[in-house]
C-alpha atoms as a PDB file:
ATOM      1  CA  MET A   1       0.948  12.355  14.810  1.00  0.00           C
ATOM      2  CA  ARG A   2       4.383  10.934  14.044  1.00  0.00           C
ATOM      3  CA  ARG A   3       5.360   7.375  13.226  1.00  0.00           C
ATOM      4  CA  LYS A   4       8.900   6.031  13.433  1.00  0.00           C
ATOM      5  CA  ALA A   5      10.955   3.219  11.994  1.00  0.00           C
ATOM      6  CA  THR A   6      14.663   2.382  11.968  1.00  0.00           C
ATOM      7  CA  ALA A   7      16.795   0.805   9.248  1.00  0.00           C
ATOM      8  CA  VAL A   8      20.178  -0.747   9.999  1.00  0.00           C
ATOM      9  CA  TRP A   9      22.528  -1.831   7.185  1.00  0.00           C
ATOM     10  CA  GLN A  10      25.907  -3.529   7.392  1.00  0.00           C
ATOM     11  CA  GLY A  11      28.268  -4.131   4.490  1.00  0.00           C
ATOM     12  CA  SER A  12      28.206  -3.273   0.818  1.00  0.00           C
ATOM     13  CA  GLY A  13      25.045  -2.705  -1.194  1.00  0.00           C
ATOM     14  CA  LYS A  14      25.026  -6.107  -2.868  1.00  0.00           C
ATOM     15  CA  GLU A  15      26.655  -8.344  -0.268  1.00  0.00           C
ATOM     16  CA  GLY A  16      25.480  -6.506   2.828  1.00  0.00           C
ATOM     17  CA  LYS A  17      22.380  -7.073   4.880  1.00  0.00           C
ATOM     18  CA  GLY A  18      20.084  -5.070   7.057  1.00  0.00           C
ATOM     19  CA  HIS A  19      17.009  -5.067   9.185  1.00  0.00           C
ATOM     20  CA  LEU A  20      14.008  -2.847   9.776  1.00  0.00           C
ATOM     21  CA  THR A  21      12.266  -2.127  13.074  1.00  0.00           C
ATOM     22  CA  THR A  22       9.111  -0.121  13.656  1.00  0.00           C
ATOM     23  CA  ALA A  23       8.198   1.584  16.901  1.00  0.00           C
ATOM     24  CA  SER A  24       5.194  -0.757  17.265  1.00  0.00           C
ATOM     25  CA  LYS A  25       7.536  -3.756  16.829  1.00  0.00           C
ATOM     26  CA  ILE A  26       5.332  -5.193  14.058  1.00  0.00           C
ATOM     27  CA  LEU A  27       8.611  -5.170  12.195  1.00  0.00           C
ATOM     28  CA  ASP A  28      11.249  -6.206  14.720  1.00  0.00           C
ATOM     29  CA  GLU A  29      14.657  -6.516  13.110  1.00  0.00           C
ATOM     30  CA  THR A  30      12.944  -7.798   9.955  1.00  0.00           C
ATOM     31  CA  GLN A  31      15.637  -8.819   7.481  1.00  0.00           C
ATOM     32  CA  TYR A  32      16.142  -7.157   4.129  1.00  0.00           C
ATOM     33  CA  SER A  33      18.932  -7.483   1.590  1.00  0.00           C
ATOM     34  CA  PHE A  34      19.851  -7.102  -2.056  1.00  0.00           C
ATOM     35  CA  SER A  35      18.301 -10.489  -2.815  1.00  0.00           C
ATOM     36  CA  SER A  36      15.023  -9.720  -1.009  1.00  0.00           C
ATOM     37  CA  ARG A  37      14.782  -6.449  -2.903  1.00  0.00           C
ATOM     38  CA  PHE A  38      15.982  -7.262  -6.404  1.00  0.00           C
ATOM     39  CA  GLU A  39      15.612 -11.042  -6.571  1.00  0.00           C
ATOM     40  CA  GLU A  40      13.384 -13.471  -4.655  1.00  0.00           C
ATOM     41  CA  GLY A  41      15.335 -13.785  -1.413  1.00  0.00           C
ATOM     42  CA  THR A  42      13.934 -14.141   2.085  1.00  0.00           C
ATOM     43  CA  GLY A  43      12.952 -10.928   3.834  1.00  0.00           C
ATOM     44  CA  THR A  44      11.133  -7.752   2.967  1.00  0.00           C
ATOM     45  CA  ASN A  45      12.050  -4.680   0.934  1.00  0.00           C
ATOM     46  CA  PRO A  46      11.065  -1.011   0.804  1.00  0.00           C
ATOM     47  CA  GLU A  47       8.799  -1.423  -2.226  1.00  0.00           C
ATOM     48  CA  GLU A  48       6.841  -4.249  -0.578  1.00  0.00           C
ATOM     49  CA  LEU A  49       6.348  -2.054   2.471  1.00  0.00           C
ATOM     50  CA  ILE A  50       5.188   0.834   0.271  1.00  0.00           C
ATOM     51  CA  ALA A  51       2.700  -1.514  -1.404  1.00  0.00           C
ATOM     52  CA  ALA A  52       1.352  -2.614   1.999  1.00  0.00           C
ATOM     53  CA  ALA A  53       1.134   0.995   3.172  1.00  0.00           C
ATOM     54  CA  HIS A  54      -0.648   2.134   0.013  1.00  0.00           C
ATOM     55  CA  ALA A  55      -3.136  -0.762   0.058  1.00  0.00           C
ATOM     56  CA  GLY A  56      -3.905  -0.168   3.733  1.00  0.00           C
ATOM     57  CA  CYS A  57      -4.188   3.606   3.456  1.00  0.00           C
ATOM     58  CA  PHE A  58      -6.398   3.529   0.342  1.00  0.00           C
ATOM     59  CA  THR A  59      -8.693   0.874   1.818  1.00  0.00           C
ATOM     60  CA  MET A  60      -9.172   2.755   5.081  1.00  0.00           C
ATOM     61  CA  LYS A  61      -9.825   6.039   3.227  1.00  0.00           C
ATOM     62  CA  LEU A  62     -12.435   4.266   1.101  1.00  0.00           C
ATOM     63  CA  ALA A  63     -14.104   2.877   4.241  1.00  0.00           C
ATOM     64  CA  PHE A  64     -14.381   6.414   5.630  1.00  0.00           C
ATOM     65  CA  ASN A  65     -15.689   7.668   2.279  1.00  0.00           C
ATOM     66  CA  LEU A  66     -18.369   4.968   2.296  1.00  0.00           C
ATOM     67  CA  ASN A  67     -19.333   5.853   5.877  1.00  0.00           C
ATOM     68  CA  SER A  68     -19.733   9.511   4.874  1.00  0.00           C
ATOM     69  CA  LYS A  69     -22.495   8.392   2.471  1.00  0.00           C
ATOM     70  CA  GLU A  70     -23.979   6.010   5.066  1.00  0.00           C
ATOM     71  CA  PHE A  71     -22.656   2.796   3.498  1.00  0.00           C
ATOM     72  CA  VAL A  72     -20.732   0.110   5.358  1.00  0.00           C
ATOM     73  CA  ALA A  73     -18.653  -2.400   3.434  1.00  0.00           C
ATOM     74  CA  ASP A  74     -19.035  -6.073   4.179  1.00  0.00           C
ATOM     75  CA  ASN A  75     -15.541  -6.521   2.773  1.00  0.00           C
ATOM     76  CA  LEU A  76     -12.868  -4.423   1.061  1.00  0.00           C
ATOM     77  CA  GLU A  77      -9.772  -6.238  -0.210  1.00  0.00           C
ATOM     78  CA  THR A  78      -7.052  -4.246  -1.960  1.00  0.00           C
ATOM     79  CA  LYS A  79      -3.972  -5.711  -3.600  1.00  0.00           C
ATOM     80  CA  CYS A  80      -1.203  -3.272  -4.478  1.00  0.00           C
ATOM     81  CA  THR A  81       1.652  -3.716  -6.931  1.00  0.00           C
ATOM     82  CA  VAL A  82       4.475  -1.186  -6.747  1.00  0.00           C
ATOM     83  CA  THR A  83       6.829  -1.150  -9.743  1.00  0.00           C
ATOM     84  CA  LEU A  84      10.489  -0.154  -9.383  1.00  0.00           C
ATOM     85  CA  GLU A  85      12.299   0.689 -12.646  1.00  0.00           C
ATOM     86  CA  ASP A  86      15.664   2.373 -13.145  1.00  0.00           C
ATOM     87  CA  GLY A  87      15.920   3.288  -9.474  1.00  0.00           C
ATOM     88  CA  ALA A  88      12.494   4.912  -9.213  1.00  0.00           C
ATOM     89  CA  VAL A  89       9.004   3.839  -8.206  1.00  0.00           C
ATOM     90  CA  THR A  90       7.147   4.225 -11.495  1.00  0.00           C
ATOM     91  CA  SER A  91       3.664   3.066 -10.535  1.00  0.00           C
ATOM     92  CA  SER A  92       1.398   1.857  -7.779  1.00  0.00           C
ATOM     93  CA  LYS A  93      -1.517  -0.217  -9.040  1.00  0.00           C
ATOM     94  CA  LEU A  94      -4.378  -0.949  -6.682  1.00  0.00           C
ATOM     95  CA  GLU A  95      -6.803  -3.824  -7.352  1.00  0.00           C
ATOM     96  CA  LEU A  96      -9.917  -3.658  -5.209  1.00  0.00           C
ATOM     97  CA  THR A  97     -12.594  -6.253  -4.624  1.00  0.00           C
ATOM     98  CA  ALA A  98     -15.488  -4.836  -2.639  1.00  0.00           C
ATOM     99  CA  GLU A  99     -18.734  -6.009  -1.128  1.00  0.00           C
ATOM    100  CA  VAL A 100     -20.889  -2.982  -0.294  1.00  0.00           C
ATOM    101  CA  PRO A 101     -24.605  -3.654   0.101  1.00  0.00           C
ATOM    102  CA  GLY A 102     -26.970  -1.180  -1.558  1.00  0.00           C
ATOM    103  CA  ILE A 103     -24.433   1.076  -3.291  1.00  0.00           C
ATOM    104  CA  ASP A 104     -24.720   1.942  -6.979  1.00  0.00           C
ATOM    105  CA  ASP A 105     -21.708   1.855  -9.290  1.00  0.00           C
ATOM    106  CA  THR A 106     -21.659   5.616  -9.922  1.00  0.00           C
ATOM    107  CA  THR A 107     -21.481   6.480  -6.223  1.00  0.00           C
ATOM    108  CA  PHE A 108     -18.947   3.749  -5.591  1.00  0.00           C
ATOM    109  CA  ALA A 109     -16.710   4.904  -8.462  1.00  0.00           C
ATOM    110  CA  GLU A 110     -16.800   8.475  -7.098  1.00  0.00           C
ATOM    111  CA  LEU A 111     -15.782   7.314  -3.608  1.00  0.00           C
ATOM    112  CA  VAL A 112     -13.030   5.069  -5.003  1.00  0.00           C
ATOM    113  CA  GLY A 113     -11.662   7.972  -7.060  1.00  0.00           C
ATOM    114  CA  ASP A 114     -11.567  10.210  -4.018  1.00  0.00           C
ATOM    115  CA  ALA A 115      -9.708   7.551  -2.006  1.00  0.00           C
ATOM    116  CA  GLU A 116      -7.297   6.986  -4.904  1.00  0.00           C
ATOM    117  CA  HIS A 117      -6.288  10.651  -4.971  1.00  0.00           C
ATOM    118  CA  ASN A 118      -6.678  11.645  -1.335  1.00  0.00           C
ATOM    119  CA  CYS A 119      -5.358   8.896   0.904  1.00  0.00           C
ATOM    120  CA  PRO A 120      -2.146  10.203   2.512  1.00  0.00           C
ATOM    121  CA  ILE A 121       0.079   7.602   0.829  1.00  0.00           C
ATOM    122  CA  SER A 122      -1.320   8.475  -2.623  1.00  0.00           C
ATOM    123  CA  LYS A 123      -0.497  12.100  -1.890  1.00  0.00           C
ATOM    124  CA  LEU A 124       3.020  11.116  -0.832  1.00  0.00           C
ATOM    125  CA  LEU A 125       3.807   9.048  -3.918  1.00  0.00           C
ATOM    126  CA  ASP A 126       5.036  10.971  -6.947  1.00  0.00           C
ATOM    127  CA  THR A 127       4.096   8.291  -9.466  1.00  0.00           C
ATOM    128  CA  GLU A 128       1.311   6.911 -11.625  1.00  0.00           C
ATOM    129  CA  ILE A 129      -1.482   5.560  -9.426  1.00  0.00           C
ATOM    130  CA  SER A 130      -4.343   3.498 -10.787  1.00  0.00           C
ATOM    131  CA  VAL A 131      -7.265   1.593  -9.324  1.00  0.00           C
ATOM    132  CA  THR A 132      -9.307  -1.172 -10.844  1.00  0.00           C
ATOM    133  CA  TYR A 133     -12.200  -2.635  -8.910  1.00  0.00           C
ATOM    134  CA  THR A 134     -14.868  -5.275  -8.787  1.00  0.00           C
ATOM    135  CA  LEU A 135     -18.002  -4.350  -6.863  1.00  0.00           C
ATOM    136  CA  GLN A 136     -20.132  -7.172  -5.541  1.00  0.00           C
ATOM    137  CA  ASN A 137     -23.483  -6.119  -4.068  1.00  0.00           C
END
């Protein structure tokens, strides 16, 4: 399986602007710029997209982990914060709120830990990754 995206940039790093397009067109010439990356400007940025990818990947991996133990989540909600410092991604912090009927905390913690370390985006990131969670039965 291969997934594709295209970035176009015009101008200098600070004054220039660009856009991102994915093959699925979910992102279709979506604007990004210096201000959307390093300030609070309109548009997206690579770190926001990494956060979305990590939250989505981790959550889906956890759903599969739960299924492997015959649990089905009523709801899994993961918020991800990616930190960029000195030109490097230094951490990806996942905050999970979960509703999983009938699961005990020990089993849930084991499945969360596996998802934390084994979702493909976690494996891709060379940074500190942490997960905190709230389990509601």
